[in-house]
Protein backbone atom coordinates (compact mmCIF):
# COMPACT_ATOMS: atom_id res chain seq x y z
CA MET A 1 86.05 100.04 120.96
CA LEU A 2 89.25 101.83 121.93
CA ASP A 3 88.76 100.94 125.60
CA ALA A 4 88.32 97.26 124.71
CA VAL A 5 91.41 97.26 122.47
CA GLU A 6 93.50 99.04 125.12
CA HIS A 7 92.36 96.50 127.72
CA VAL A 8 93.53 93.58 125.57
CA GLU A 9 96.72 95.36 124.47
CA MET A 10 97.88 95.57 128.09
CA ARG A 11 98.74 91.85 127.85
CA TRP A 12 99.25 91.33 124.09
CA ARG A 13 100.78 94.56 122.71
CA ASN A 14 103.70 92.87 120.90
CA GLU A 15 101.53 90.15 119.40
CA MET A 16 98.94 92.69 118.21
CA ARG A 17 101.32 95.14 116.54
CA THR A 18 100.39 93.78 113.09
CA LEU A 19 96.64 93.99 113.74
CA ASP A 20 94.52 97.04 112.95
CA PHE A 21 91.04 97.87 114.22
CA ALA A 22 88.25 99.75 112.48
CA VAL A 23 84.59 100.60 112.95
CA GLU A 24 82.19 100.79 110.03
CA GLU A 25 78.51 101.75 110.15
CA VAL A 26 77.19 98.54 108.58
CA PRO A 27 78.66 95.41 106.98
CA PRO A 28 79.17 95.53 103.22
CA LEU A 29 76.43 93.96 101.12
CA ASP A 30 78.84 92.04 98.91
CA VAL A 31 82.09 90.86 100.47
CA GLN A 32 84.82 90.80 97.82
CA TRP A 33 87.61 89.55 100.07
CA PRO A 34 88.12 86.31 101.94
CA VAL A 35 86.65 86.52 105.43
CA GLU A 36 88.93 84.89 107.99
CA ASP A 37 86.45 85.09 110.82
CA GLU A 38 83.02 86.59 111.21
CA ILE A 39 80.88 87.05 114.30
CA GLN A 40 77.18 87.12 113.49
CA SER A 41 73.87 87.61 115.21
CA ALA A 42 70.74 86.47 113.38
CA GLY A 43 72.80 86.25 110.19
CA VAL A 44 74.00 89.87 110.40
CA PRO A 45 77.75 90.36 110.79
CA LEU A 46 78.76 92.19 113.96
CA ALA A 47 82.50 91.99 113.28
CA ARG A 48 85.01 90.45 110.91
CA LEU A 49 88.68 89.59 111.02
CA LEU A 50 90.12 90.35 107.61
CA PRO A 51 93.41 88.62 106.80
CA ALA A 52 96.58 90.49 105.96
CA GLY A 53 97.31 90.84 102.29
CA GLY A 54 98.45 93.20 99.58
CA GLY A 55 100.77 94.97 101.99
CA GLU A 56 97.92 95.60 104.44
CA PRO A 57 97.90 94.24 107.99
CA ALA A 58 95.13 92.02 109.33
CA ARG A 59 92.16 94.07 110.46
CA VAL A 60 89.30 93.61 112.89
CA VAL A 61 86.22 95.51 111.71
CA LEU A 62 83.29 96.09 114.07
CA TYR A 63 79.94 97.15 112.62
CA ARG A 64 78.44 99.93 114.73
CA ARG A 65 74.76 99.85 113.79
CA PRO A 66 74.21 96.08 114.16
CA LEU A 67 75.97 96.18 117.54
CA GLU A 68 73.90 99.13 118.75
CA LEU A 69 70.67 97.45 117.65
CA ARG A 70 71.48 94.30 119.65
CA ALA A 71 72.57 96.04 122.85
CA LEU A 72 70.09 96.57 125.66
CA ASP A 73 71.92 99.66 126.95
CA ARG A 74 75.33 101.33 126.91
CA GLU A 75 76.81 98.88 129.44
CA ASP A 76 75.58 95.91 127.40
CA LEU A 77 77.10 97.48 124.27
CA GLU A 78 80.45 97.95 126.01
CA ASP A 79 80.43 94.34 127.24
CA MET A 80 79.50 93.06 123.78
CA ILE A 81 82.28 95.07 122.11
CA HIS A 82 84.80 93.88 124.70
CA ASP A 83 83.89 90.23 124.14
CA ILE A 84 83.98 90.60 120.34
CA VAL A 85 87.39 92.29 120.44
CA VAL A 86 88.69 89.50 122.70
CA GLU A 87 87.24 86.81 120.40
CA GLU A 88 88.75 88.36 117.27
CA VAL A 89 92.16 88.89 118.89
CA ALA A 90 92.04 85.30 120.14
CA HIS A 91 91.28 84.07 116.63
CA PHE A 92 94.09 86.21 115.21
CA LEU A 93 96.56 84.83 117.79
CA GLY A 94 95.26 81.24 117.60
CA LEU A 95 94.32 81.24 121.29
CA ASP A 96 91.20 80.73 123.37
CA PRO A 97 89.38 83.93 124.36
CA GLU A 98 89.88 83.07 128.05
CA THR A 99 93.65 83.02 127.44
CA VAL A 100 93.58 86.44 125.79
CA ASP A 101 91.50 87.89 128.65
CA PRO A 102 90.71 85.84 131.76
CA GLY A 103 87.72 88.15 132.34
CA TYR A 104 86.20 87.26 128.96
CA GLY A 105 82.45 86.82 129.11
CA ASP A 106 81.98 87.93 132.70
CA GLY A 107 80.72 91.42 131.86
CA ASP A 108 83.47 93.06 133.91
CA THR A 109 86.45 94.52 132.05
CA ASP A 110 88.07 96.20 135.07
CA ASP A 111 91.45 94.87 136.18
């Protein structure tokens, strides 16, 4: 995930300074907070954008196990994580994913 975040931060560092990132093993069973944005596969959350509140910044949370189970191999996992990070940052910034990263969705995160 750090590589994907660093890739996006190259263009959006100032805009992302109030956004945190985290990885959790699995999504919580009972969500007690409002979910701003959620990316799902077969009804299982892969990531969520949690809004800022209570003195805490907004946070993108990726769920490791569901992502690993959906990836074909390491390269597929890296591409999936990159696209999810781009999508969540785009949602946070109110932009299209292609604006956040012109390489979004092409499977190539090299500059």
